[in-house]
Amino acid sequence: MLYVDLSSFKSTVEISNYRVWLYQSGIRPSATIGLGCVGSSLADPHYNKQANWNPDGSITLLGGIGRENILMQRFSMPIPSGVTFS
């Protein structure tokens, strides 16, 4: 199982598909993992954010963000078949 616990943050720019977390160390997946819904906009809680965990260790928010506070959630998910970690 993967336990996902990302930090909430405030965006000051409008951008699409943004790599928010750029980890320099730690484990990295062998393939991109779709994390699904990872949080929502505080301005509009119906606007959920999805993300991918990339093989370079970064995590990309999909679909763009505006000038808003993003509240992240903690969750667990199964490790996708065929994915290894280094």
C-alpha atoms as a PDB file:
ATOM      1  CA  MET A   1       0.000   0.000   0.000  1.00  0.00           C
ATOM      2  CA  LEU A   2       1.038   3.596  -0.673  1.00  0.00           C
ATOM      3  CA  TYR A   3       0.300   6.213   1.962  1.00  0.00           C
ATOM      4  CA  VAL A   4      -0.023   9.642   0.334  1.00  0.00           C
ATOM      5  CA  ASP A   5       0.309  12.769   2.511  1.00  0.00           C
ATOM      6  CA  LEU A   6       1.035  15.924   0.475  1.00  0.00           C
ATOM      7  CA  SER A   7       1.346  19.461   1.853  1.00  0.00           C
ATOM      8  CA  SER A   8      -1.429  21.965   1.211  1.00  0.00           C
ATOM      9  CA  PHE A   9      -0.240  25.149  -0.502  1.00  0.00           C
ATOM     10  CA  LYS A  10      -1.214  28.544  -1.928  1.00  0.00           C
ATOM     11  CA  SER A  11      -0.746  29.168  -5.645  1.00  0.00           C
ATOM     12  CA  THR A  12       0.083  32.727  -6.720  1.00  0.00           C
ATOM     13  CA  VAL A  13       0.012  32.022 -10.470  1.00  0.00           C
ATOM     14  CA  GLU A  14      -2.326  30.447 -13.023  1.00  0.00           C
ATOM     15  CA  ILE A  15      -0.764  27.487 -14.801  1.00  0.00           C
ATOM     16  CA  SER A  16      -1.693  24.107 -16.270  1.00  0.00           C
ATOM     17  CA  ASN A  17      -0.276  20.671 -15.364  1.00  0.00           C
ATOM     18  CA  TYR A  18       2.158  22.008 -12.780  1.00  0.00           C
ATOM     19  CA  ARG A  19       4.897  20.054 -11.020  1.00  0.00           C
ATOM     20  CA  VAL A  20       4.308  21.248  -7.485  1.00  0.00           C
ATOM     21  CA  TRP A  21       6.490  18.853  -5.499  1.00  0.00           C
ATOM     22  CA  LEU A  22      10.057  18.349  -6.784  1.00  0.00           C
ATOM     23  CA  TYR A  23      11.665  15.872  -4.439  1.00  0.00           C
ATOM     24  CA  GLN A  24      15.458  15.649  -4.582  1.00  0.00           C
ATOM     25  CA  SER A  25      15.691  12.393  -2.647  1.00  0.00           C
ATOM     26  CA  GLY A  26      13.533   9.485  -1.608  1.00  0.00           C
ATOM     27  CA  ILE A  27      11.904   6.648  -3.457  1.00  0.00           C
ATOM     28  CA  ARG A  28      10.798   7.009  -7.068  1.00  0.00           C
ATOM     29  CA  PRO A  29       8.327   4.871  -9.017  1.00  0.00           C
ATOM     30  CA  SER A  30       9.486   2.993 -12.122  1.00  0.00           C
ATOM     31  CA  ALA A  31       6.451   4.329 -14.045  1.00  0.00           C
ATOM     32  CA  THR A  32       4.011   7.215 -13.676  1.00  0.00           C
ATOM     33  CA  ILE A  33       1.369   6.504 -11.029  1.00  0.00           C
ATOM     34  CA  GLY A  34      -2.006   8.211 -11.283  1.00  0.00           C
ATOM     35  CA  LEU A  35      -2.839   9.294  -7.729  1.00  0.00           C
ATOM     36  CA  GLY A  36      -6.427  10.242  -8.559  1.00  0.00           C
ATOM     37  CA  CYS A  37      -8.091  12.982  -6.518  1.00  0.00           C
ATOM     38  CA  VAL A  38      -5.527  14.410  -4.090  1.00  0.00           C
ATOM     39  CA  GLY A  39      -7.264  17.583  -2.882  1.00  0.00           C
ATOM     40  CA  SER A  40      -9.486  20.526  -3.692  1.00  0.00           C
ATOM     41  CA  SER A  41      -9.578  24.278  -4.090  1.00  0.00           C
ATOM     42  CA  LEU A  42     -10.649  26.150  -0.951  1.00  0.00           C
ATOM     43  CA  ALA A  43     -12.320  28.765  -3.186  1.00  0.00           C
ATOM     44  CA  ASP A  44     -14.550  26.076  -4.722  1.00  0.00           C
ATOM     45  CA  PRO A  45     -14.476  22.718  -2.879  1.00  0.00           C
ATOM     46  CA  HIS A  46     -16.322  21.112  -5.804  1.00  0.00           C
ATOM     47  CA  TYR A  47     -13.202  21.689  -7.923  1.00  0.00           C
ATOM     48  CA  ASN A  48     -11.007  18.687  -7.119  1.00  0.00           C
ATOM     49  CA  LYS A  49      -7.345  18.289  -8.048  1.00  0.00           C
ATOM     50  CA  GLN A  50      -5.846  15.153  -9.550  1.00  0.00           C
ATOM     51  CA  ALA A  51      -2.152  14.296  -9.676  1.00  0.00           C
ATOM     52  CA  ASN A  52       0.493  11.959 -11.094  1.00  0.00           C
ATOM     53  CA  TRP A  53       3.644  10.724  -9.332  1.00  0.00           C
ATOM     54  CA  ASN A  54       6.372  10.738 -11.988  1.00  0.00           C
ATOM     55  CA  PRO A  55       9.430   8.465 -12.369  1.00  0.00           C
ATOM     56  CA  ASP A  56      11.732  11.452 -11.634  1.00  0.00           C
ATOM     57  CA  GLY A  57      10.114  11.698  -8.171  1.00  0.00           C
ATOM     58  CA  SER A  58       8.090  14.850  -8.905  1.00  0.00           C
ATOM     59  CA  ILE A  59       4.327  15.101  -8.460  1.00  0.00           C
ATOM     60  CA  THR A  60       2.288  16.953 -11.095  1.00  0.00           C
ATOM     61  CA  LEU A  61      -1.123  18.495 -10.493  1.00  0.00           C
ATOM     62  CA  LEU A  62      -3.273  17.910 -13.570  1.00  0.00           C
ATOM     63  CA  GLY A  63      -5.711  20.296 -15.199  1.00  0.00           C
ATOM     64  CA  GLY A  64      -4.176  23.501 -13.958  1.00  0.00           C
ATOM     65  CA  ILE A  65      -4.439  25.719 -10.926  1.00  0.00           C
ATOM     66  CA  GLY A  66      -5.305  29.360 -10.427  1.00  0.00           C
ATOM     67  CA  ARG A  67      -4.535  31.875  -7.713  1.00  0.00           C
ATOM     68  CA  GLU A  68      -6.002  29.832  -4.896  1.00  0.00           C
ATOM     69  CA  ASN A  69      -5.372  27.821  -1.763  1.00  0.00           C
ATOM     70  CA  ILE A  70      -5.206  24.095  -2.382  1.00  0.00           C
ATOM     71  CA  LEU A  71      -6.166  21.765   0.467  1.00  0.00           C
ATOM     72  CA  MET A  72      -4.598  18.336   0.093  1.00  0.00           C
ATOM     73  CA  GLN A  73      -5.962  15.116   1.605  1.00  0.00           C
ATOM     74  CA  ARG A  74      -4.235  12.046   3.036  1.00  0.00           C
ATOM     75  CA  PHE A  75      -5.118   8.637   1.646  1.00  0.00           C
ATOM     76  CA  SER A  76      -3.876   5.111   0.988  1.00  0.00           C
ATOM     77  CA  MET A  77      -3.956   3.277  -2.306  1.00  0.00           C
ATOM     78  CA  PRO A  78      -2.653  -0.038  -3.670  1.00  0.00           C
ATOM     79  CA  ILE A  79       0.632  -0.082  -5.550  1.00  0.00           C
ATOM     80  CA  PRO A  80      -0.165  -0.472  -9.270  1.00  0.00           C
ATOM     81  CA  SER A  81       0.769  -3.788 -10.858  1.00  0.00           C
ATOM     82  CA  GLY A  82       4.250  -3.820 -12.396  1.00  0.00           C
ATOM     83  CA  VAL A  83       5.479  -0.669 -10.617  1.00  0.00           C
ATOM     84  CA  THR A  84       8.681  -0.935  -8.593  1.00  0.00           C
ATOM     85  CA  PHE A  85      10.486   1.668  -6.506  1.00  0.00           C
ATOM     86  CA  SER A  86      14.118   2.719  -6.330  1.00  0.00           C
END
